Amino acid sequence: MLMKIGRILGEAIIVKIKHCKESATLRVTGHEKSFTRDRKLTAERIVSMIIEPAKQSLQTRLYEFGVKFMGGEFATKQAFSKQRQFVNPDYIREFYDENVEVLIKDGELITFKGLHLTAVDGMRIACENTPDLIGTFGCSGSKKDACTALASAAYDVIERISFDCQIGSYSLSERDLLNKHLDRLEVFGAEKFLIIADRGYPSYDLMGTLIDRKFSFVLRLSEAWTNIISQMDDSSDKMFQYEYKGNTYNFRVLKIELKDKLEYLVTNLDRAFLSLDEAKHIYSLRWNVETFYGFLKTELELENFSGKTTNAVLQEFYATMTLANLCQCFINDADAEITARDEHNDSIYAHQANRRQCVGRIVPVFLECVFTNNKRKRDCLWKEVEQFCERFSEPIRPGRNPARKTPRDKKFYANARKPGLS
């Protein structure tokens, strides 16, 4: 029996963690001798703690970590915070990049006519108002007093995994981060990707860049494109041509109905390859990247950083993105088994794995696998996770859109605070 992709990614992460001490990229510049002495907080333990999401206070996590994996000893949060500053965030990023490479090259991902449907969008990340973070990421708000980072992901809307992630200053634009996505995706072959983006992205410069770099795209035009929209009264599918920086480019504009309103899409794919209905369906899948950001912030608590430095925020951002892909691969494996099972059942609805329950089981078992040297025991733990994800499924009810409830007034005194910073 072939090993499922979730287990493959999990094993790859574990192997890298176990050999982290020998990595040339683990340590920040100027601290090449870090993690050479025999301490409680070894490099392996520090990296494992960084990758584990911070759903409890840091001291509670360190205590439970010590009970389970350090023979009853535990480190203080001051010691952990000091040691983590020697870990290069780019090393944590390597976990993410290496797993993405496995997924694209060996993951047998579902595509649309050979193209990975890749949505891009920006995401604001709230950070603590410390001088270090404000200097790195800047602030948002009318008074510019709320430290905020701008992040973005290149997200496969079919497989629900991300191919690239970027984080930077709030002063950057979403297009700036998109250009970084393109650099990364180009490594795997630009012709394999179809970029989907909302109305804040299109520009003549961007469309020319995508065409020159061999990317396909479906972008939504804003109402500001009046010179194009005004020529679409008598047609729902029309070709246009424009000159930019000495080059001539051709593109199609499609008129679609979206929520009882006319919207306009632009693409460089011809009618023989992409029909109007297909383009409309592809753009509708773009919403999956929005739900992905909700998944990151609610299930994996992306903004619940356990540190207040730039190094800590970057470490945990890359770690969370790595963990998100790992969880989704286990969920995809479970969905495939559930679909096969439903074919033999007389069910009214199709079913899928319960995302929240899956994440709640995958994360603790993953950490246990990291510190299990017995391969047979690790296989049993992975098998337990796979069976758990397959067992707890929920029905998919098409068209379900319950009315929003009016939120209750907020209490004057908040009785909750960020657990990672207590």
Protein backbone atom coordinates (compact mmCIF):
# COMPACT_ATOMS: atom_id res chain seq x y z
CA MET A 1 0.00 0.00 0.00
CA LEU A 2 1.33 3.44 -0.97
CA MET A 3 2.01 5.89 1.85
CA LYS A 4 -0.52 8.72 1.94
CA ILE A 5 0.71 12.23 1.23
CA GLY A 6 -0.09 13.52 4.73
CA ARG A 7 2.16 10.91 6.29
CA ILE A 8 4.88 11.59 3.71
CA LEU A 9 4.97 15.28 4.63
CA GLY A 10 4.89 14.49 8.35
CA GLU A 11 7.85 12.12 8.06
CA ALA A 12 9.80 14.68 6.01
CA ILE A 13 9.31 17.33 8.72
CA ILE A 14 10.34 14.90 11.47
CA VAL A 15 13.55 13.89 9.66
CA LYS A 16 14.49 17.54 9.22
CA ILE A 17 13.81 18.32 12.88
CA LYS A 18 15.93 15.38 14.07
CA HIS A 19 18.88 16.63 12.00
CA CYS A 20 18.37 20.33 12.64
CA LYS A 21 21.51 20.66 14.78
CA GLU A 22 23.70 19.77 11.79
CA SER A 23 21.99 22.29 9.47
CA ALA A 24 24.12 25.17 8.22
CA THR A 25 21.06 27.45 8.05
CA LEU A 26 19.65 26.80 11.56
CA ARG A 27 21.49 29.58 13.38
CA VAL A 28 21.24 33.32 12.85
CA THR A 29 24.34 35.14 11.66
CA GLY A 30 26.81 35.77 14.47
CA HIS A 31 25.60 32.88 16.63
CA GLU A 32 27.12 29.93 14.78
CA LYS A 33 28.14 28.28 18.07
CA SER A 34 24.61 28.19 19.48
CA PHE A 35 23.09 24.78 20.36
CA THR A 36 26.51 23.13 20.68
CA ARG A 37 26.32 22.61 24.47
CA ASP A 38 24.18 19.94 26.14
CA ARG A 39 21.22 21.96 27.48
CA LYS A 40 17.61 21.24 28.41
CA LEU A 41 16.41 23.20 25.39
CA THR A 42 18.19 21.45 22.56
CA ALA A 43 17.86 22.61 18.95
CA GLU A 44 15.42 19.75 18.31
CA ARG A 45 13.18 20.79 21.21
CA ILE A 46 13.29 24.49 20.33
CA VAL A 47 12.32 23.87 16.68
CA SER A 48 9.53 21.49 17.74
CA MET A 49 8.11 24.08 20.13
CA ILE A 50 8.18 26.73 17.38
CA ILE A 51 6.27 24.52 14.95
CA GLU A 52 3.63 23.58 17.52
CA PRO A 53 0.81 26.21 17.42
CA ALA A 54 0.48 28.41 20.53
CA LYS A 55 -3.02 27.55 21.78
CA GLN A 56 -2.06 27.92 25.44
CA SER A 57 0.14 30.28 27.40
CA LEU A 58 3.82 29.81 26.72
CA GLN A 59 4.61 28.68 30.28
CA THR A 60 1.80 26.09 30.20
CA ARG A 61 3.08 24.74 26.88
CA LEU A 62 6.61 24.50 28.22
CA TYR A 63 5.38 22.67 31.31
CA GLU A 64 3.35 20.13 29.33
CA PHE A 65 6.20 19.73 26.84
CA GLY A 66 8.59 19.00 29.72
CA VAL A 67 6.24 16.43 31.27
CA LYS A 68 5.77 14.58 27.98
CA PHE A 69 9.16 14.84 26.27
CA MET A 70 11.79 16.02 28.79
CA GLY A 71 11.40 13.46 31.57
CA GLY A 72 9.47 15.79 33.86
CA GLU A 73 11.86 18.73 33.61
CA PHE A 74 10.69 21.97 32.09
CA ALA A 75 12.28 25.22 30.99
CA THR A 76 11.19 28.75 31.81
CA LYS A 77 9.69 30.96 29.15
CA GLN A 78 12.64 33.34 29.56
CA ALA A 79 15.05 30.54 28.65
CA PHE A 80 12.95 29.53 25.66
CA SER A 81 12.62 33.12 24.42
CA LYS A 82 16.38 33.58 24.65
CA GLN A 83 17.23 30.36 22.82
CA ARG A 84 14.68 30.85 20.03
CA GLN A 85 16.37 34.11 19.02
CA PHE A 86 19.30 32.03 17.76
CA VAL A 87 17.04 30.16 15.28
CA ASN A 88 17.03 31.64 11.80
CA PRO A 89 13.44 32.16 10.50
CA ASP A 90 14.68 31.16 7.04
CA TYR A 91 15.39 27.70 8.46
CA ILE A 92 11.74 27.36 9.55
CA ARG A 93 10.79 28.56 6.08
CA GLU A 94 12.72 25.60 4.63
CA PHE A 95 10.19 23.18 6.16
CA TYR A 96 7.45 24.90 4.18
CA ASP A 97 9.34 25.19 0.88
CA GLU A 98 10.57 21.59 0.92
CA ASN A 99 7.07 20.23 1.54
CA VAL A 100 5.59 22.38 -1.23
CA GLU A 101 8.23 20.96 -3.58
CA VAL A 102 7.14 17.42 -2.64
CA LEU A 103 3.48 18.30 -3.23
CA ILE A 104 3.99 19.85 -6.65
CA LYS A 105 6.44 17.27 -7.96
CA ASP A 106 5.09 14.07 -6.37
CA GLY A 107 1.70 14.90 -4.88
CA GLU A 108 -0.43 14.06 -7.94
CA LEU A 109 -2.47 17.22 -7.42
CA ILE A 110 -5.79 17.75 -9.18
CA THR A 111 -5.57 20.43 -11.89
CA PHE A 112 -7.81 22.17 -14.40
CA LYS A 113 -6.65 21.06 -17.86
CA GLY A 114 -3.11 20.76 -16.52
CA LEU A 115 -3.14 24.11 -14.68
CA HIS A 116 -2.95 24.60 -10.90
CA LEU A 117 -5.76 27.02 -10.03
CA THR A 118 -3.84 29.39 -7.75
CA ALA A 119 -5.65 32.21 -5.96
CA VAL A 120 -3.74 35.10 -4.39
CA ASP A 121 -4.94 37.61 -1.84
CA GLY A 122 -3.59 39.76 0.95
CA MET A 123 -4.15 39.24 4.67
CA ARG A 124 -3.55 41.62 7.57
CA ILE A 125 -1.89 40.12 10.65
CA ALA A 126 -2.20 41.87 14.01
CA CYS A 127 1.04 42.02 15.98
CA GLU A 128 2.03 43.33 19.40
CA ASN A 129 2.89 47.04 19.63
CA THR A 130 6.57 46.60 20.43
CA PRO A 131 9.24 48.93 18.99
CA ASP A 132 10.90 46.01 17.21
CA LEU A 133 7.71 44.87 15.44
CA ILE A 134 6.56 48.40 14.65
CA GLY A 135 9.93 49.12 13.07
CA THR A 136 9.70 45.98 10.94
CA PHE A 137 6.04 45.89 9.89
CA GLY A 138 4.61 49.36 10.55
CA CYS A 139 1.12 50.21 11.76
CA SER A 140 -2.45 50.39 10.52
CA GLY A 141 -5.49 52.27 11.81
CA SER A 142 -6.56 55.88 11.55
CA LYS A 143 -3.92 56.87 14.10
CA LYS A 144 -1.30 54.47 12.76
CA ASP A 145 -0.90 52.97 16.21
CA ALA A 146 -1.79 49.29 15.64
CA CYS A 147 1.18 47.19 14.58
CA THR A 148 0.12 45.16 11.55
CA ALA A 149 1.94 42.99 9.01
CA LEU A 150 0.78 42.30 5.46
CA ALA A 151 0.86 38.67 4.37
CA SER A 152 -0.17 36.83 1.24
CA ALA A 153 -0.48 33.25 0.01
CA ALA A 154 -0.53 31.58 -3.40
CA TYR A 155 -3.26 29.04 -2.73
CA ASP A 156 -4.45 26.02 -4.73
CA VAL A 157 -8.23 26.40 -4.58
CA ILE A 158 -8.86 22.77 -5.60
CA GLU A 159 -6.46 20.97 -3.26
CA ARG A 160 -6.71 23.70 -0.57
CA ILE A 161 -2.97 23.90 0.02
CA SER A 162 -0.65 26.88 -0.38
CA PHE A 163 2.29 26.95 -2.79
CA ASP A 164 3.95 30.07 -1.42
CA CYS A 165 3.59 32.47 1.51
CA GLN A 166 4.97 35.95 2.03
CA ILE A 167 4.93 38.40 4.92
CA GLY A 168 6.19 41.96 4.98
CA SER A 169 5.63 45.55 5.95
CA TYR A 170 2.07 46.87 6.02
CA SER A 171 3.26 49.65 3.69
CA LEU A 172 3.76 47.13 0.87
CA SER A 173 1.03 46.51 -1.68
CA GLU A 174 -0.59 43.17 -2.44
CA ARG A 175 0.98 43.36 -5.91
CA ASP A 176 4.45 43.58 -4.33
CA LEU A 177 3.83 40.27 -2.56
CA LEU A 178 2.30 38.80 -5.74
CA ASN A 179 5.55 39.46 -7.59
CA LYS A 180 7.37 37.44 -4.92
CA HIS A 181 4.85 34.63 -5.41
CA LEU A 182 5.55 34.64 -9.13
CA ASP A 183 9.30 34.31 -8.51
CA ARG A 184 8.66 31.23 -6.37
CA LEU A 185 6.09 29.62 -8.69
CA GLU A 186 8.34 30.17 -11.70
CA VAL A 187 10.77 27.66 -10.21
CA PHE A 188 8.17 24.91 -10.87
CA GLY A 189 7.25 26.22 -14.34
CA ALA A 190 5.08 29.30 -14.87
CA GLU A 191 3.05 27.54 -17.56
CA LYS A 192 1.64 25.17 -14.90
CA PHE A 193 -0.21 27.90 -12.96
CA LEU A 194 -3.38 29.90 -13.50
CA ILE A 195 -3.45 32.97 -11.25
CA ILE A 196 -6.84 34.03 -9.85
CA ALA A 197 -7.15 37.43 -8.19
CA ASP A 198 -9.75 39.94 -7.09
CA ARG A 199 -10.34 43.45 -8.44
CA GLY A 200 -7.53 45.11 -6.47
CA TYR A 201 -4.85 43.40 -8.58
CA PRO A 202 -5.44 44.05 -12.33
CA SER A 203 -3.28 46.63 -14.08
CA TYR A 204 -1.79 46.82 -17.55
CA ASP A 205 1.64 46.37 -16.00
CA LEU A 206 0.61 43.22 -14.11
CA MET A 207 -1.14 41.64 -17.09
CA GLY A 208 1.90 42.33 -19.26
CA THR A 209 4.16 40.80 -16.60
CA LEU A 210 2.01 37.65 -16.33
CA ILE A 211 1.89 37.21 -20.11
CA ASP A 212 5.64 37.78 -20.52
CA ARG A 213 6.41 35.26 -17.75
CA LYS A 214 4.05 32.62 -19.28
CA PHE A 215 1.48 32.61 -16.46
CA SER A 216 -2.21 32.15 -17.23
CA PHE A 217 -4.65 34.32 -15.32
CA VAL A 218 -8.29 35.10 -14.54
CA LEU A 219 -8.64 38.48 -12.82
CA ARG A 220 -11.70 40.45 -11.78
CA LEU A 221 -11.89 44.05 -13.01
CA SER A 222 -13.00 46.87 -10.75
CA GLU A 223 -15.56 49.49 -11.78
CA ALA A 224 -12.65 51.88 -12.46
CA TRP A 225 -11.93 50.09 -15.76
CA THR A 226 -14.60 52.16 -17.52
CA ASN A 227 -12.68 52.27 -20.81
CA ILE A 228 -13.07 48.49 -21.06
CA ILE A 229 -16.47 48.01 -19.41
CA SER A 230 -18.10 50.64 -21.63
CA GLN A 231 -17.29 48.51 -24.70
CA MET A 232 -18.98 45.39 -23.30
CA ASP A 233 -22.62 46.46 -23.69
CA ASP A 234 -23.21 44.34 -26.80
CA SER A 235 -20.99 41.37 -25.91
CA SER A 236 -20.23 39.02 -23.02
CA ASP A 237 -16.89 37.81 -24.45
CA LYS A 238 -14.63 40.23 -26.30
CA MET A 239 -10.97 40.45 -27.30
CA PHE A 240 -8.88 43.56 -26.57
CA GLN A 241 -5.38 44.68 -27.48
CA TYR A 242 -3.11 47.22 -25.85
CA GLU A 243 0.47 48.44 -26.15
CA TYR A 244 2.64 48.77 -23.08
CA LYS A 245 6.35 49.56 -22.86
CA GLY A 246 6.82 48.85 -26.55
CA ASN A 247 5.04 45.48 -26.51
CA THR A 248 1.58 44.50 -27.79
CA TYR A 249 -0.65 42.32 -25.60
CA ASN A 250 -3.97 40.59 -26.23
CA PHE A 251 -6.53 39.68 -23.57
CA ARG A 252 -10.18 38.65 -23.26
CA VAL A 253 -12.81 40.36 -21.17
CA LEU A 254 -15.79 38.28 -20.01
CA LYS A 255 -19.07 39.65 -18.64
CA ILE A 256 -20.63 37.44 -15.97
CA GLU A 257 -23.46 37.70 -13.48
CA LEU A 258 -22.34 37.41 -9.87
CA LYS A 259 -24.90 37.75 -7.06
CA ASP A 260 -27.40 39.57 -9.32
CA LYS A 261 -24.73 42.01 -10.44
CA LEU A 262 -22.70 42.21 -13.64
CA GLU A 263 -18.98 41.70 -13.13
CA TYR A 264 -16.08 41.58 -15.57
CA LEU A 265 -13.19 39.13 -15.75
CA VAL A 266 -10.01 39.44 -17.78
CA THR A 267 -7.94 36.47 -18.99
CA ASN A 268 -5.21 35.63 -21.47
CA LEU A 269 -6.70 32.19 -22.27
CA ASP A 270 -8.53 31.81 -25.59
CA ARG A 271 -12.11 30.59 -26.10
CA ALA A 272 -10.97 27.15 -27.25
CA PHE A 273 -9.29 26.52 -23.89
CA LEU A 274 -11.54 28.42 -21.47
CA SER A 275 -15.28 28.98 -21.89
CA LEU A 276 -17.22 31.77 -20.20
CA ASP A 277 -18.92 29.34 -17.80
CA GLU A 278 -15.58 27.76 -16.89
CA ALA A 279 -14.08 31.18 -16.19
CA LYS A 280 -17.03 32.07 -13.96
CA HIS A 281 -16.65 28.81 -12.03
CA ILE A 282 -12.90 29.27 -11.66
CA TYR A 283 -13.34 32.77 -10.28
CA SER A 284 -15.98 31.54 -7.82
CA LEU A 285 -13.36 29.18 -6.37
CA ARG A 286 -11.26 32.21 -5.40
CA TRP A 287 -13.30 32.47 -2.19
CA ASN A 288 -11.47 29.39 -0.90
CA VAL A 289 -8.41 31.53 -0.18
CA GLU A 290 -10.54 33.71 2.10
CA THR A 291 -11.75 30.66 4.05
CA PHE A 292 -8.11 29.50 4.22
CA TYR A 293 -7.17 32.71 6.02
CA GLY A 294 -10.04 32.10 8.42
CA PHE A 295 -8.67 28.59 9.00
CA LEU A 296 -5.22 30.01 9.77
CA LYS A 297 -6.51 32.58 12.24
CA THR A 298 -9.13 30.47 14.03
CA GLU A 299 -8.05 26.82 13.96
CA LEU A 300 -4.27 27.40 13.98
CA GLU A 301 -4.39 30.78 15.78
CA LEU A 302 -1.89 32.45 13.46
CA GLU A 303 -2.05 35.80 15.26
CA ASN A 304 -1.51 34.25 18.71
CA PHE A 305 2.25 34.78 18.67
CA SER A 306 4.20 33.53 21.69
CA GLY A 307 6.95 36.11 21.13
CA LYS A 308 7.16 39.87 20.65
CA THR A 309 10.18 40.11 18.33
CA THR A 310 10.48 40.10 14.55
CA ASN A 311 12.36 36.80 14.73
CA ALA A 312 9.56 35.13 16.72
CA VAL A 313 6.79 36.42 14.43
CA LEU A 314 8.56 35.23 11.28
CA GLN A 315 9.32 31.84 12.84
CA GLU A 316 5.72 31.24 13.85
CA PHE A 317 4.30 32.56 10.57
CA TYR A 318 6.33 30.05 8.53
CA ALA A 319 5.66 27.29 11.06
CA THR A 320 1.90 27.88 10.90
CA MET A 321 1.92 27.81 7.09
CA THR A 322 3.85 24.52 7.20
CA LEU A 323 1.41 23.03 9.67
CA ALA A 324 -1.57 24.23 7.62
CA ASN A 325 -0.38 22.27 4.58
CA LEU A 326 0.33 19.21 6.71
CA CYS A 327 -3.17 19.27 8.24
CA GLN A 328 -4.84 19.82 4.87
CA CYS A 329 -3.00 16.88 3.32
CA PHE A 330 -4.27 14.58 6.07
CA ILE A 331 -7.75 16.03 5.52
CA ASN A 332 -7.48 15.50 1.74
CA ASP A 333 -6.43 11.88 2.32
CA ALA A 334 -9.44 11.41 4.61
CA ASP A 335 -11.80 13.07 2.12
CA ALA A 336 -10.70 10.62 -0.57
CA GLU A 337 -11.46 7.66 1.71
CA ILE A 338 -14.81 9.17 2.76
CA THR A 339 -15.82 9.74 -0.88
CA ALA A 340 -14.97 6.15 -1.75
CA ARG A 341 -16.98 4.97 1.26
CA ASP A 342 -19.99 7.13 0.31
CA GLU A 343 -20.18 5.45 -3.08
CA HIS A 344 -21.33 2.28 -1.32
CA ASN A 345 -23.72 4.05 1.06
CA ASP A 346 -27.21 5.34 0.37
CA SER A 347 -26.56 8.83 1.79
CA ILE A 348 -28.56 11.94 0.98
CA TYR A 349 -25.47 14.16 1.12
CA ALA A 350 -21.82 13.70 0.29
CA HIS A 351 -19.51 13.90 3.31
CA GLN A 352 -16.15 15.42 4.16
CA ALA A 353 -13.77 15.26 7.11
CA ASN A 354 -14.53 17.58 10.02
CA ARG A 355 -11.73 20.14 9.72
CA ARG A 356 -11.74 21.35 13.32
CA GLN A 357 -11.67 17.88 14.86
CA CYS A 358 -8.94 16.78 12.45
CA VAL A 359 -6.64 19.66 13.39
CA GLY A 360 -7.27 19.01 17.08
CA ARG A 361 -5.97 15.48 16.63
CA ILE A 362 -3.21 15.96 14.04
CA VAL A 363 -1.20 18.57 15.99
CA PRO A 364 -0.63 16.67 19.30
CA VAL A 365 0.05 13.37 17.52
CA PHE A 366 2.54 15.08 15.20
CA LEU A 367 4.53 16.35 18.19
CA GLU A 368 4.48 12.87 19.73
CA CYS A 369 5.80 11.43 16.47
CA VAL A 370 8.72 13.90 16.49
CA PHE A 371 10.02 12.41 19.75
CA THR A 372 9.27 8.77 18.88
CA ASN A 373 12.34 7.02 17.50
CA ASN A 374 10.52 3.71 17.00
CA LYS A 375 9.38 3.67 13.35
CA ARG A 376 6.70 1.05 14.00
CA LYS A 377 5.20 3.11 16.82
CA ARG A 378 5.26 6.21 14.61
CA ASP A 379 3.42 4.33 11.85
CA CYS A 380 0.76 3.34 14.40
CA LEU A 381 0.36 6.96 15.47
CA TRP A 382 0.01 8.15 11.86
CA LYS A 383 -2.50 5.38 11.20
CA GLU A 384 -4.48 6.49 14.24
CA VAL A 385 -4.63 10.05 12.87
CA GLU A 386 -5.74 8.86 9.43
CA GLN A 387 -8.50 6.71 10.89
CA PHE A 388 -9.62 9.53 13.19
CA CYS A 389 -9.94 11.96 10.26
CA GLU A 390 -11.89 9.39 8.24
CA ARG A 391 -14.20 8.52 11.14
CA PHE A 392 -15.38 12.03 11.99
CA SER A 393 -17.08 13.33 8.86
CA GLU A 394 -19.82 15.89 8.28
CA PRO A 395 -22.39 16.28 5.46
CA ILE A 396 -21.88 18.80 2.67
CA ARG A 397 -25.15 20.71 2.22
CA PRO A 398 -25.03 22.57 -1.13
CA GLY A 399 -26.32 26.12 -1.13
CA ARG A 400 -26.48 26.36 2.63
CA ASN A 401 -26.22 30.01 3.62
CA PRO A 402 -27.80 30.63 7.04
CA ALA A 403 -28.70 34.17 7.98
CA ARG A 404 -26.16 35.96 10.14
CA LYS A 405 -27.13 36.49 13.74
CA THR A 406 -26.93 40.01 15.19
CA PRO A 407 -23.83 40.00 17.42
CA ARG A 408 -24.33 40.75 21.09
CA ASP A 409 -22.88 43.94 22.53
CA LYS A 410 -19.35 43.60 23.79
CA LYS A 411 -18.78 43.58 27.51
CA PHE A 412 -17.13 46.64 28.95
CA TYR A 413 -14.50 44.49 30.64
CA ALA A 414 -13.00 41.76 28.46
CA ASN A 415 -12.68 38.47 30.33
CA ALA A 416 -10.27 36.97 27.81
CA ARG A 417 -6.82 37.89 26.66
CA LYS A 418 -4.23 36.43 24.34
CA PRO A 419 -3.11 33.16 25.97
CA GLY A 420 0.23 33.13 24.18
CA LEU A 421 1.33 36.33 25.92
CA SER A 422 0.24 35.57 29.49
